N, C-alpha and C. Protein backbone atom coordinates (compact mmCIF):
# COMPACT_ATOMS: atom_id res chain seq x y z
N ASP A 1 39.70 -11.58 -50.66
CA ASP A 1 40.87 -12.19 -50.87
C ASP A 1 41.04 -13.51 -50.10
N VAL A 2 40.55 -14.58 -50.71
CA VAL A 2 40.54 -15.91 -50.06
C VAL A 2 41.76 -16.68 -50.53
N GLU A 3 42.51 -17.27 -49.61
CA GLU A 3 43.68 -18.04 -49.89
C GLU A 3 43.35 -19.54 -49.83
N ASP A 4 43.87 -20.25 -50.73
CA ASP A 4 43.64 -21.75 -50.80
C ASP A 4 44.32 -22.41 -49.58
N SER A 5 43.60 -23.17 -48.88
CA SER A 5 44.07 -23.81 -47.64
C SER A 5 45.18 -24.82 -47.91
N GLU A 6 45.31 -25.32 -49.14
CA GLU A 6 46.35 -26.23 -49.54
C GLU A 6 47.67 -25.58 -49.84
N THR A 7 47.62 -24.33 -50.19
CA THR A 7 48.85 -23.60 -50.64
C THR A 7 49.69 -23.09 -49.42
N ARG A 8 50.95 -23.39 -49.59
CA ARG A 8 51.91 -22.84 -48.54
C ARG A 8 52.71 -21.75 -49.18
N TYR A 9 53.24 -20.89 -48.42
CA TYR A 9 54.02 -19.70 -48.84
C TYR A 9 55.39 -19.71 -48.23
N SER A 10 56.34 -19.25 -48.98
CA SER A 10 57.73 -19.05 -48.55
C SER A 10 58.20 -17.70 -48.86
N LEU A 11 59.28 -17.29 -48.25
CA LEU A 11 60.03 -16.06 -48.67
C LEU A 11 61.23 -16.48 -49.54
N GLN A 12 61.29 -15.96 -50.73
CA GLN A 12 62.49 -16.17 -51.53
C GLN A 12 63.41 -14.92 -51.16
N ILE A 13 64.47 -15.25 -50.43
CA ILE A 13 65.30 -14.17 -49.85
C ILE A 13 66.49 -13.81 -50.69
N ARG A 14 67.00 -14.71 -51.52
CA ARG A 14 68.12 -14.50 -52.36
C ARG A 14 68.10 -15.50 -53.52
N ALA A 15 68.90 -15.22 -54.54
CA ALA A 15 69.21 -16.12 -55.57
C ALA A 15 70.71 -16.04 -56.01
N PHE A 16 71.31 -17.17 -56.28
CA PHE A 16 72.76 -17.16 -56.53
C PHE A 16 72.94 -18.03 -57.83
N PRO A 17 74.06 -17.62 -58.55
CA PRO A 17 74.37 -18.41 -59.79
C PRO A 17 74.98 -19.76 -59.55
N THR A 18 75.43 -20.01 -58.34
CA THR A 18 76.04 -21.28 -57.97
C THR A 18 75.37 -21.93 -56.72
N GLU A 19 75.37 -23.19 -56.61
CA GLU A 19 74.82 -23.75 -55.47
C GLU A 19 75.74 -23.52 -54.21
N ALA A 20 77.08 -23.49 -54.51
CA ALA A 20 78.03 -23.21 -53.44
C ALA A 20 77.77 -21.87 -52.75
N GLU A 21 77.53 -20.90 -53.60
CA GLU A 21 77.19 -19.56 -53.02
C GLU A 21 75.90 -19.53 -52.21
N ALA A 22 74.89 -20.21 -52.75
CA ALA A 22 73.65 -20.33 -51.97
C ALA A 22 73.86 -21.07 -50.70
N LEU A 23 74.58 -22.17 -50.63
CA LEU A 23 74.84 -22.86 -49.41
C LEU A 23 75.70 -22.01 -48.45
N GLU A 24 76.60 -21.30 -48.96
CA GLU A 24 77.45 -20.39 -48.11
C GLU A 24 76.55 -19.31 -47.46
N PHE A 25 75.67 -18.72 -48.25
CA PHE A 25 74.69 -17.68 -47.69
C PHE A 25 73.86 -18.31 -46.58
N VAL A 26 73.32 -19.57 -46.81
CA VAL A 26 72.51 -20.18 -45.81
C VAL A 26 73.22 -20.43 -44.62
N ALA A 27 74.48 -20.93 -44.66
CA ALA A 27 75.30 -21.23 -43.55
C ALA A 27 75.62 -19.91 -42.80
N SER A 28 75.89 -18.86 -43.44
CA SER A 28 76.24 -17.65 -42.70
C SER A 28 75.05 -16.92 -42.18
N SER A 29 73.87 -17.33 -42.58
CA SER A 29 72.64 -16.73 -42.10
C SER A 29 71.92 -17.58 -41.11
N SER A 30 72.40 -18.75 -40.75
CA SER A 30 71.64 -19.73 -39.97
C SER A 30 71.16 -19.18 -38.73
N ILE A 31 71.98 -18.32 -38.02
CA ILE A 31 71.54 -17.79 -36.71
C ILE A 31 70.30 -16.87 -36.93
N ALA A 32 70.35 -16.01 -37.95
CA ALA A 32 69.19 -15.06 -38.23
C ALA A 32 67.99 -15.86 -38.67
N LEU A 33 68.20 -16.95 -39.42
CA LEU A 33 67.04 -17.71 -39.92
C LEU A 33 66.41 -18.60 -38.86
N GLY A 34 67.13 -18.84 -37.79
CA GLY A 34 66.50 -19.60 -36.69
C GLY A 34 66.05 -20.97 -37.10
N VAL A 35 64.83 -21.31 -36.68
CA VAL A 35 64.27 -22.61 -36.94
C VAL A 35 63.54 -22.74 -38.25
N LEU A 36 63.47 -21.65 -39.09
CA LEU A 36 62.73 -21.61 -40.31
C LEU A 36 63.33 -22.68 -41.20
N PRO A 37 62.47 -23.46 -41.88
CA PRO A 37 62.98 -24.39 -42.92
C PRO A 37 63.53 -23.66 -44.11
N VAL A 38 64.62 -24.13 -44.60
CA VAL A 38 65.25 -23.49 -45.77
C VAL A 38 65.27 -24.51 -46.90
N ALA A 39 65.05 -23.99 -48.08
CA ALA A 39 65.01 -24.85 -49.34
C ALA A 39 65.83 -24.11 -50.38
N LEU A 40 66.61 -24.86 -51.14
CA LEU A 40 67.29 -24.34 -52.37
C LEU A 40 66.45 -24.82 -53.54
N VAL A 41 65.99 -23.91 -54.34
CA VAL A 41 65.22 -24.27 -55.55
C VAL A 41 66.04 -23.99 -56.82
N ARG A 42 66.39 -25.03 -57.46
CA ARG A 42 67.18 -24.90 -58.68
C ARG A 42 66.20 -24.40 -59.84
N SER A 43 66.60 -23.37 -60.46
CA SER A 43 65.74 -22.73 -61.53
C SER A 43 66.55 -22.35 -62.76
N GLU A 44 66.01 -22.58 -63.91
CA GLU A 44 66.60 -22.16 -65.19
C GLU A 44 66.04 -20.78 -65.47
N VAL A 45 66.96 -19.83 -65.65
CA VAL A 45 66.54 -18.38 -65.88
C VAL A 45 67.01 -18.07 -67.34
N GLU A 46 66.03 -17.76 -68.11
CA GLU A 46 66.34 -17.49 -69.59
C GLU A 46 67.36 -16.43 -69.69
N GLY A 47 68.38 -16.71 -70.45
CA GLY A 47 69.50 -15.79 -70.72
C GLY A 47 70.56 -15.79 -69.61
N LYS A 48 70.32 -16.39 -68.46
CA LYS A 48 71.22 -16.34 -67.32
C LYS A 48 71.64 -17.76 -66.90
N GLY A 49 71.02 -18.80 -67.31
CA GLY A 49 71.38 -20.14 -66.96
C GLY A 49 70.71 -20.64 -65.67
N THR A 50 71.41 -21.51 -64.91
CA THR A 50 70.87 -22.08 -63.71
C THR A 50 71.12 -21.13 -62.53
N TRP A 51 70.19 -20.96 -61.73
CA TRP A 51 70.27 -20.14 -60.53
C TRP A 51 69.68 -20.91 -59.33
N PHE A 52 70.10 -20.67 -58.13
CA PHE A 52 69.75 -21.40 -56.98
C PHE A 52 69.03 -20.36 -56.09
N ARG A 53 67.68 -20.53 -55.96
CA ARG A 53 66.92 -19.59 -55.06
C ARG A 53 66.86 -20.10 -53.68
N VAL A 54 67.05 -19.24 -52.73
CA VAL A 54 67.03 -19.55 -51.31
C VAL A 54 65.68 -19.21 -50.85
N ARG A 55 64.89 -20.12 -50.42
CA ARG A 55 63.54 -19.90 -49.85
C ARG A 55 63.45 -20.31 -48.43
N VAL A 56 62.78 -19.53 -47.58
CA VAL A 56 62.64 -19.93 -46.16
C VAL A 56 61.21 -19.97 -45.81
N GLY A 57 60.91 -20.81 -44.78
CA GLY A 57 59.53 -20.81 -44.27
C GLY A 57 58.61 -21.71 -45.08
N SER A 58 57.51 -22.09 -44.36
CA SER A 58 56.39 -22.77 -44.93
C SER A 58 55.20 -22.16 -44.21
N PHE A 59 54.59 -21.18 -44.73
CA PHE A 59 53.62 -20.39 -44.13
C PHE A 59 52.24 -20.77 -44.70
N SER A 60 51.16 -20.67 -43.84
CA SER A 60 49.83 -21.04 -44.27
C SER A 60 49.17 -19.85 -45.07
N SER A 61 49.68 -18.67 -44.99
CA SER A 61 49.13 -17.58 -45.75
C SER A 61 50.22 -16.55 -46.18
N SER A 62 49.94 -15.78 -47.14
CA SER A 62 50.87 -14.80 -47.58
C SER A 62 51.08 -13.75 -46.47
N LYS A 63 50.07 -13.42 -45.66
CA LYS A 63 50.14 -12.51 -44.53
C LYS A 63 51.15 -13.04 -43.52
N ALA A 64 51.17 -14.39 -43.28
CA ALA A 64 52.10 -14.91 -42.29
C ALA A 64 53.51 -14.78 -42.86
N ALA A 65 53.63 -14.94 -44.16
CA ALA A 65 55.00 -14.80 -44.84
C ALA A 65 55.46 -13.39 -44.65
N GLU A 66 54.54 -12.45 -44.89
CA GLU A 66 54.81 -11.05 -44.69
C GLU A 66 55.30 -10.70 -43.33
N ALA A 67 54.65 -11.26 -42.35
CA ALA A 67 55.03 -11.03 -40.90
C ALA A 67 56.42 -11.55 -40.62
N ALA A 68 56.76 -12.69 -41.23
CA ALA A 68 58.05 -13.30 -41.05
C ALA A 68 59.16 -12.45 -41.70
N ARG A 69 58.74 -11.84 -42.84
CA ARG A 69 59.68 -10.95 -43.55
C ARG A 69 60.06 -9.75 -42.63
N ALA A 70 59.04 -9.23 -41.94
CA ALA A 70 59.26 -8.13 -41.03
C ALA A 70 60.25 -8.51 -39.93
N GLU A 71 60.00 -9.77 -39.42
CA GLU A 71 60.85 -10.25 -38.30
C GLU A 71 62.31 -10.47 -38.73
N LEU A 72 62.50 -10.92 -39.99
CA LEU A 72 63.86 -11.15 -40.47
C LEU A 72 64.61 -9.87 -40.75
N GLY A 73 63.94 -8.77 -40.83
CA GLY A 73 64.64 -7.55 -41.00
C GLY A 73 65.45 -7.42 -42.25
N SER A 74 66.61 -6.85 -42.21
CA SER A 74 67.48 -6.54 -43.41
C SER A 74 67.78 -7.83 -44.16
N LEU A 75 67.79 -8.98 -43.61
CA LEU A 75 68.01 -10.26 -44.28
C LEU A 75 67.01 -10.45 -45.41
N ALA A 76 65.86 -9.95 -45.13
CA ALA A 76 64.71 -10.24 -46.03
C ALA A 76 64.20 -8.94 -46.80
N ASN A 77 65.02 -7.84 -46.77
CA ASN A 77 64.58 -6.62 -47.40
C ASN A 77 64.09 -6.80 -48.83
N ASP A 78 64.80 -7.50 -49.63
CA ASP A 78 64.42 -7.68 -51.04
C ASP A 78 63.67 -8.99 -51.37
N SER A 79 63.15 -9.58 -50.39
CA SER A 79 62.58 -10.91 -50.50
C SER A 79 61.19 -10.78 -51.24
N LEU A 80 60.81 -11.94 -51.81
CA LEU A 80 59.54 -12.08 -52.48
C LEU A 80 58.68 -13.09 -51.69
N VAL A 81 57.38 -12.97 -51.58
CA VAL A 81 56.52 -13.94 -51.03
C VAL A 81 56.18 -14.84 -52.27
N VAL A 82 56.43 -16.10 -52.18
CA VAL A 82 56.15 -17.10 -53.24
C VAL A 82 55.20 -18.17 -52.83
N SER A 83 54.32 -18.60 -53.65
CA SER A 83 53.43 -19.74 -53.29
C SER A 83 54.15 -21.06 -53.75
N ASN A 84 53.94 -22.04 -52.81
CA ASN A 84 54.55 -23.34 -53.10
C ASN A 84 53.41 -24.29 -53.48
N ARG A 85 52.89 -24.22 -54.66
CA ARG A 85 51.81 -25.14 -55.06
C ARG A 85 52.25 -26.50 -55.38
């Protein structure tokens, strides 16, 4: 299982139907997220319209992202590890 050294990984921890809700979540979670970089990713979801995905971190491997998920605890319970190609 070799990972591409150019690929970075993030945790997608939530998705919201409005940007305002996503920003509110980020603001209310800022202490728990610490210094992890946060990105909002605008996505068109078929049949649901535009959603705003909250992604945190920029990890060099999926294993590092998994370790961060464990450290974030309940905030990241339903998170997904995603590649940022």
